[in-house]
């Protein structure tokens, strides 16, 4: 299992980050009356979104981590949860994106799934 690189920020920015509860139910619409719902799974992936400020070297580390270590996002990685502190297994959803915010810093954004 890959581990979030030591040289990258350990915690994401507070503003702009989000995480959702897993969708564990199935909903079936009826021809009349309320929809029926039932639990489908006992656990599920938790979708989320993190944002980071990184230096050029950190951005290069993230690129290598994503492209080589995680095989373009196909493999999961371990990261300490920014709120709870416990280590969770994450998986990239799509590709991280970045934008320059100054000559020396970049804003990096990516969506993820926390594995059950």
N, C-alpha and C. Protein backbone atom coordinates (compact mmCIF):
# COMPACT_ATOMS: atom_id res chain seq x y z
N UNK A 1 0.85 -1.19 0.00
CA UNK A 1 0.00 0.00 0.00
C UNK A 1 0.89 1.24 0.00
N UNK A 2 0.62 2.15 -0.89
CA UNK A 2 1.36 3.41 -0.95
C UNK A 2 1.01 4.29 0.25
N UNK A 3 1.94 5.13 0.64
CA UNK A 3 1.75 6.05 1.76
C UNK A 3 1.96 7.47 1.25
N UNK A 4 1.10 8.40 1.68
CA UNK A 4 1.22 9.82 1.32
C UNK A 4 2.64 10.26 1.61
N UNK A 5 3.35 10.83 0.64
CA UNK A 5 4.76 11.17 0.82
C UNK A 5 5.01 12.14 1.98
N UNK A 6 6.10 11.90 2.69
CA UNK A 6 6.46 12.70 3.86
C UNK A 6 6.67 14.17 3.49
N UNK A 7 7.19 14.47 2.32
CA UNK A 7 7.47 15.84 1.92
C UNK A 7 6.25 16.66 1.55
N UNK A 8 5.08 16.03 1.44
CA UNK A 8 3.87 16.76 1.09
C UNK A 8 3.16 17.23 2.36
N UNK A 9 2.34 18.30 2.26
CA UNK A 9 1.63 18.77 3.44
C UNK A 9 0.80 17.65 4.07
N UNK A 10 0.87 17.54 5.39
CA UNK A 10 0.15 16.48 6.09
C UNK A 10 -1.34 16.77 6.16
N UNK A 11 -1.71 18.04 6.20
CA UNK A 11 -3.12 18.40 6.31
C UNK A 11 -3.52 19.32 5.18
N UNK A 12 -4.71 19.11 4.68
CA UNK A 12 -5.26 19.97 3.63
C UNK A 12 -5.68 21.31 4.22
N UNK A 13 -5.93 22.27 3.35
CA UNK A 13 -6.45 23.56 3.80
C UNK A 13 -7.82 23.36 4.44
N UNK A 14 -8.16 24.22 5.37
CA UNK A 14 -9.48 24.09 6.01
C UNK A 14 -10.60 24.55 5.10
N UNK A 15 -10.38 25.67 4.42
CA UNK A 15 -11.42 26.22 3.56
C UNK A 15 -11.48 25.45 2.25
N UNK A 16 -12.67 25.09 1.83
CA UNK A 16 -12.85 24.43 0.55
C UNK A 16 -12.83 22.91 0.61
N UNK A 17 -12.50 22.33 1.75
CA UNK A 17 -12.46 20.88 1.84
C UNK A 17 -13.83 20.36 2.26
N UNK A 18 -14.14 19.19 1.74
CA UNK A 18 -15.42 18.60 2.09
C UNK A 18 -15.34 17.08 2.02
N UNK A 19 -16.25 16.47 2.73
CA UNK A 19 -16.34 15.02 2.75
C UNK A 19 -17.80 14.68 2.96
N UNK A 20 -18.28 13.60 2.36
CA UNK A 20 -19.68 13.21 2.48
C UNK A 20 -19.79 11.84 3.14
N UNK A 21 -20.95 11.59 3.70
CA UNK A 21 -21.24 10.27 4.22
C UNK A 21 -21.41 9.31 3.05
N UNK A 22 -21.13 8.02 3.26
CA UNK A 22 -21.31 7.07 2.16
C UNK A 22 -22.80 6.86 1.86
N UNK A 23 -23.09 6.58 0.61
CA UNK A 23 -24.47 6.28 0.20
C UNK A 23 -24.68 4.78 0.39
N UNK A 24 -25.45 4.41 1.40
CA UNK A 24 -25.62 3.00 1.75
C UNK A 24 -27.00 2.45 1.43
N UNK A 25 -27.87 3.27 0.85
CA UNK A 25 -29.24 2.83 0.60
C UNK A 25 -29.55 2.80 -0.89
N UNK A 26 -30.57 2.04 -1.22
CA UNK A 26 -31.10 2.02 -2.58
C UNK A 26 -32.52 2.56 -2.50
N UNK A 27 -32.86 3.41 -3.45
CA UNK A 27 -34.17 4.06 -3.47
C UNK A 27 -34.89 3.61 -4.74
N UNK A 28 -36.12 3.15 -4.58
CA UNK A 28 -36.94 2.72 -5.71
C UNK A 28 -38.21 3.55 -5.75
N UNK A 29 -38.38 4.27 -6.85
CA UNK A 29 -39.60 5.07 -7.03
C UNK A 29 -40.78 4.16 -7.31
N UNK A 30 -41.92 4.48 -6.72
CA UNK A 30 -43.16 3.73 -6.93
C UNK A 30 -44.04 4.51 -7.91
N UNK A 31 -44.98 3.84 -8.56
CA UNK A 31 -45.88 4.53 -9.47
C UNK A 31 -46.80 5.49 -8.71
N UNK A 32 -47.05 5.20 -7.46
CA UNK A 32 -47.80 6.13 -6.61
C UNK A 32 -47.32 5.94 -5.17
N UNK A 33 -47.42 6.98 -4.41
CA UNK A 33 -46.99 6.92 -3.02
C UNK A 33 -45.50 7.20 -2.88
N UNK A 34 -45.03 7.12 -1.63
CA UNK A 34 -43.62 7.43 -1.39
C UNK A 34 -42.68 6.35 -1.93
N UNK A 35 -41.48 6.74 -2.24
CA UNK A 35 -40.47 5.80 -2.71
C UNK A 35 -40.11 4.82 -1.60
N UNK A 36 -39.70 3.63 -1.99
CA UNK A 36 -39.23 2.65 -1.02
C UNK A 36 -37.72 2.77 -0.91
N UNK A 37 -37.21 2.62 0.31
CA UNK A 37 -35.77 2.68 0.54
C UNK A 37 -35.37 1.52 1.44
N UNK A 38 -34.19 0.98 1.15
CA UNK A 38 -33.65 -0.07 2.02
C UNK A 38 -32.14 0.05 2.03
N UNK A 39 -31.56 -0.46 3.09
CA UNK A 39 -30.10 -0.46 3.20
C UNK A 39 -29.55 -1.46 2.21
N UNK A 40 -28.54 -1.04 1.45
CA UNK A 40 -27.95 -1.89 0.43
C UNK A 40 -26.60 -2.44 0.86
N UNK A 41 -25.85 -1.63 1.60
CA UNK A 41 -24.51 -2.01 2.04
C UNK A 41 -24.35 -1.72 3.53
N UNK A 42 -23.39 -2.38 4.16
CA UNK A 42 -23.07 -2.07 5.56
C UNK A 42 -21.99 -1.00 5.67
N UNK A 43 -21.21 -0.82 4.60
CA UNK A 43 -20.22 0.26 4.57
C UNK A 43 -20.02 0.66 3.11
N UNK A 44 -19.45 1.84 2.92
CA UNK A 44 -19.25 2.31 1.56
C UNK A 44 -18.15 3.35 1.50
N UNK A 45 -17.81 3.77 0.29
CA UNK A 45 -16.78 4.78 0.12
C UNK A 45 -17.34 6.15 0.52
N UNK A 46 -16.45 6.98 1.07
CA UNK A 46 -16.83 8.34 1.47
C UNK A 46 -16.20 9.30 0.48
N UNK A 47 -16.99 9.96 -0.37
CA UNK A 47 -16.42 10.89 -1.33
C UNK A 47 -16.00 12.19 -0.67
N UNK A 48 -15.01 12.85 -1.24
CA UNK A 48 -14.56 14.12 -0.69
C UNK A 48 -13.71 14.92 -1.65
N UNK A 49 -13.24 16.06 -1.15
CA UNK A 49 -12.51 17.03 -1.95
C UNK A 49 -11.50 17.72 -1.03
N UNK A 50 -10.22 17.73 -1.39
CA UNK A 50 -9.18 18.40 -0.60
C UNK A 50 -8.48 19.45 -1.46
N UNK A 51 -8.00 20.49 -0.80
CA UNK A 51 -7.21 21.53 -1.43
C UNK A 51 -5.95 21.76 -0.60
N UNK A 52 -4.83 21.98 -1.28
CA UNK A 52 -3.54 22.19 -0.64
C UNK A 52 -2.82 23.37 -1.27
N UNK A 53 -1.97 24.03 -0.50
CA UNK A 53 -0.95 24.94 -1.06
C UNK A 53 0.34 24.16 -1.06
N UNK A 54 1.05 24.18 -2.19
CA UNK A 54 2.30 23.44 -2.30
C UNK A 54 3.36 24.28 -2.98
N UNK A 55 4.61 23.99 -2.65
CA UNK A 55 5.74 24.59 -3.34
C UNK A 55 5.96 23.82 -4.65
N UNK A 56 6.86 24.31 -5.48
CA UNK A 56 7.19 23.64 -6.74
C UNK A 56 7.67 22.21 -6.47
N UNK A 57 8.59 22.05 -5.51
CA UNK A 57 9.13 20.71 -5.21
C UNK A 57 8.04 19.77 -4.70
N UNK A 58 7.12 20.29 -3.89
CA UNK A 58 6.01 19.46 -3.41
C UNK A 58 5.09 19.07 -4.56
N UNK A 59 4.86 19.99 -5.49
CA UNK A 59 4.03 19.67 -6.65
C UNK A 59 4.68 18.57 -7.50
N UNK A 60 5.99 18.63 -7.67
CA UNK A 60 6.70 17.59 -8.42
C UNK A 60 6.61 16.25 -7.69
N UNK A 61 6.69 16.28 -6.36
CA UNK A 61 6.55 15.06 -5.56
C UNK A 61 5.15 14.48 -5.74
N UNK A 62 4.13 15.33 -5.71
CA UNK A 62 2.75 14.85 -5.91
C UNK A 62 2.58 14.26 -7.30
N UNK A 63 3.15 14.90 -8.31
CA UNK A 63 3.04 14.36 -9.69
C UNK A 63 3.64 12.96 -9.78
N UNK A 64 4.83 12.79 -9.21
CA UNK A 64 5.48 11.47 -9.23
C UNK A 64 4.67 10.45 -8.43
N UNK A 65 4.15 10.88 -7.29
CA UNK A 65 3.35 9.99 -6.45
C UNK A 65 2.10 9.53 -7.19
N UNK A 66 1.40 10.47 -7.83
CA UNK A 66 0.18 10.14 -8.56
C UNK A 66 0.48 9.27 -9.78
N UNK A 67 1.44 9.70 -10.61
CA UNK A 67 1.70 9.02 -11.88
C UNK A 67 2.42 7.69 -11.72
N UNK A 68 3.38 7.62 -10.80
CA UNK A 68 4.20 6.41 -10.69
C UNK A 68 3.73 5.51 -9.55
N UNK A 69 3.75 6.04 -8.33
CA UNK A 69 3.41 5.21 -7.16
C UNK A 69 1.97 4.72 -7.20
N UNK A 70 1.03 5.64 -7.50
CA UNK A 70 -0.40 5.27 -7.53
C UNK A 70 -0.86 4.88 -8.93
N UNK A 71 0.08 4.74 -9.85
CA UNK A 71 -0.20 4.31 -11.22
C UNK A 71 -1.32 5.11 -11.87
N UNK A 72 -1.19 6.44 -11.81
CA UNK A 72 -2.17 7.32 -12.43
C UNK A 72 -3.50 7.38 -11.70
N UNK A 73 -3.49 7.02 -10.43
CA UNK A 73 -4.70 7.05 -9.63
C UNK A 73 -5.38 5.70 -9.48
N UNK A 74 -4.81 4.65 -10.06
CA UNK A 74 -5.43 3.32 -10.00
C UNK A 74 -5.26 2.65 -8.63
N UNK A 75 -4.17 2.97 -7.92
CA UNK A 75 -3.90 2.32 -6.64
C UNK A 75 -4.23 3.24 -5.47
N UNK A 76 -4.73 2.67 -4.36
CA UNK A 76 -5.03 3.48 -3.18
C UNK A 76 -3.75 3.84 -2.42
N UNK A 77 -3.90 4.77 -1.47
CA UNK A 77 -2.79 5.18 -0.63
C UNK A 77 -3.29 5.50 0.77
N UNK A 78 -2.42 5.40 1.74
CA UNK A 78 -2.77 5.71 3.13
C UNK A 78 -2.42 7.15 3.45
N UNK A 79 -3.31 7.80 4.20
CA UNK A 79 -3.14 9.19 4.60
C UNK A 79 -3.86 9.38 5.93
N UNK A 80 -3.26 10.16 6.83
CA UNK A 80 -3.93 10.48 8.09
C UNK A 80 -5.10 11.42 7.81
N UNK A 81 -6.25 11.10 8.34
CA UNK A 81 -7.44 11.94 8.14
C UNK A 81 -7.19 13.30 8.78
N UNK A 82 -7.49 14.40 8.07
CA UNK A 82 -7.14 15.73 8.59
C UNK A 82 -7.95 16.15 9.82
N UNK A 83 -9.10 15.56 10.06
CA UNK A 83 -9.91 15.93 11.21
C UNK A 83 -9.74 14.93 12.35
N UNK A 84 -9.85 13.65 12.04
CA UNK A 84 -9.85 12.62 13.07
C UNK A 84 -8.46 12.08 13.40
N UNK A 85 -7.50 12.25 12.49
CA UNK A 85 -6.13 11.85 12.75
C UNK A 85 -5.81 10.39 12.49
N UNK A 86 -6.82 9.54 12.33
CA UNK A 86 -6.54 8.12 12.09
C UNK A 86 -6.21 7.90 10.61
N UNK A 87 -5.40 6.90 10.35
CA UNK A 87 -4.98 6.61 8.98
C UNK A 87 -6.10 5.91 8.23
N UNK A 88 -6.39 6.43 7.04
CA UNK A 88 -7.42 5.86 6.18
C UNK A 88 -6.81 5.54 4.83
N UNK A 89 -7.46 4.66 4.11
CA UNK A 89 -7.04 4.31 2.77
C UNK A 89 -7.85 5.16 1.79
N UNK A 90 -7.15 5.96 0.98
CA UNK A 90 -7.76 6.87 0.02
C UNK A 90 -7.53 6.37 -1.40
N UNK A 91 -8.37 6.85 -2.32
CA UNK A 91 -8.18 6.59 -3.74
C UNK A 91 -8.53 7.88 -4.49
N UNK A 92 -7.67 8.28 -5.42
CA UNK A 92 -7.96 9.46 -6.24
C UNK A 92 -9.18 9.20 -7.10
N UNK A 93 -10.01 10.23 -7.27
CA UNK A 93 -11.11 10.19 -8.23
C UNK A 93 -10.76 11.25 -9.28
N UNK A 94 -10.42 10.82 -10.46
CA UNK A 94 -9.93 11.75 -11.47
C UNK A 94 -8.49 12.13 -11.19
N UNK A 95 -8.06 13.21 -11.80
CA UNK A 95 -6.67 13.65 -11.68
C UNK A 95 -6.61 14.93 -10.83
N UNK A 96 -5.56 15.06 -10.02
CA UNK A 96 -5.37 16.33 -9.30
C UNK A 96 -5.16 17.47 -10.31
N UNK A 97 -5.60 18.65 -9.94
CA UNK A 97 -5.37 19.84 -10.76
C UNK A 97 -4.61 20.86 -9.92
N UNK A 98 -3.89 21.77 -10.59
CA UNK A 98 -3.14 22.79 -9.86
C UNK A 98 -3.19 24.10 -10.61
N UNK A 99 -3.00 25.18 -9.85
CA UNK A 99 -2.96 26.52 -10.42
C UNK A 99 -1.93 27.33 -9.63
N UNK A 100 -1.22 28.21 -10.32
CA UNK A 100 -0.24 29.06 -9.65
C UNK A 100 -0.97 30.13 -8.84
N UNK A 101 -0.52 30.33 -7.59
CA UNK A 101 -1.08 31.41 -6.77
C UNK A 101 -0.02 32.48 -6.50
N UNK A 102 1.24 32.13 -6.71
CA UNK A 102 2.35 33.08 -6.63
C UNK A 102 3.50 32.48 -7.41
N UNK A 103 4.65 33.15 -7.41
CA UNK A 103 5.82 32.61 -8.13
C UNK A 103 6.33 31.32 -7.51
N UNK A 104 6.03 31.11 -6.25
CA UNK A 104 6.60 29.95 -5.55
C UNK A 104 5.57 28.96 -5.01
N UNK A 105 4.28 29.26 -5.14
CA UNK A 105 3.27 28.38 -4.55
C UNK A 105 2.14 28.07 -5.54
N UNK A 106 1.56 26.89 -5.34
CA UNK A 106 0.50 26.38 -6.19
C UNK A 106 -0.66 25.91 -5.33
N UNK A 107 -1.85 26.08 -5.87
CA UNK A 107 -3.04 25.53 -5.21
C UNK A 107 -3.37 24.23 -5.93
N UNK A 108 -3.35 23.13 -5.19
CA UNK A 108 -3.59 21.80 -5.73
C UNK A 108 -4.93 21.30 -5.21
N UNK A 109 -5.74 20.77 -6.11
CA UNK A 109 -7.08 20.31 -5.77
C UNK A 109 -7.27 18.90 -6.29
N UNK A 110 -7.87 18.04 -5.46
CA UNK A 110 -8.24 16.71 -5.99
C UNK A 110 -9.43 16.15 -5.24
N UNK A 111 -10.19 15.31 -5.95
CA UNK A 111 -11.30 14.58 -5.37
C UNK A 111 -10.81 13.18 -5.01
N UNK A 112 -11.45 12.59 -4.03
CA UNK A 112 -11.00 11.29 -3.54
C UNK A 112 -12.16 10.47 -3.03
N UNK A 113 -11.87 9.22 -2.74
CA UNK A 113 -12.78 8.33 -2.03
C UNK A 113 -12.00 7.76 -0.85
N UNK A 114 -12.62 7.74 0.31
CA UNK A 114 -12.04 7.04 1.46
C UNK A 114 -12.64 5.64 1.43
N UNK A 115 -11.78 4.66 1.38
CA UNK A 115 -12.22 3.28 1.25
C UNK A 115 -12.75 2.77 2.58
N UNK A 116 -13.76 1.88 2.54
CA UNK A 116 -14.31 1.34 3.80
C UNK A 116 -13.34 0.44 4.53
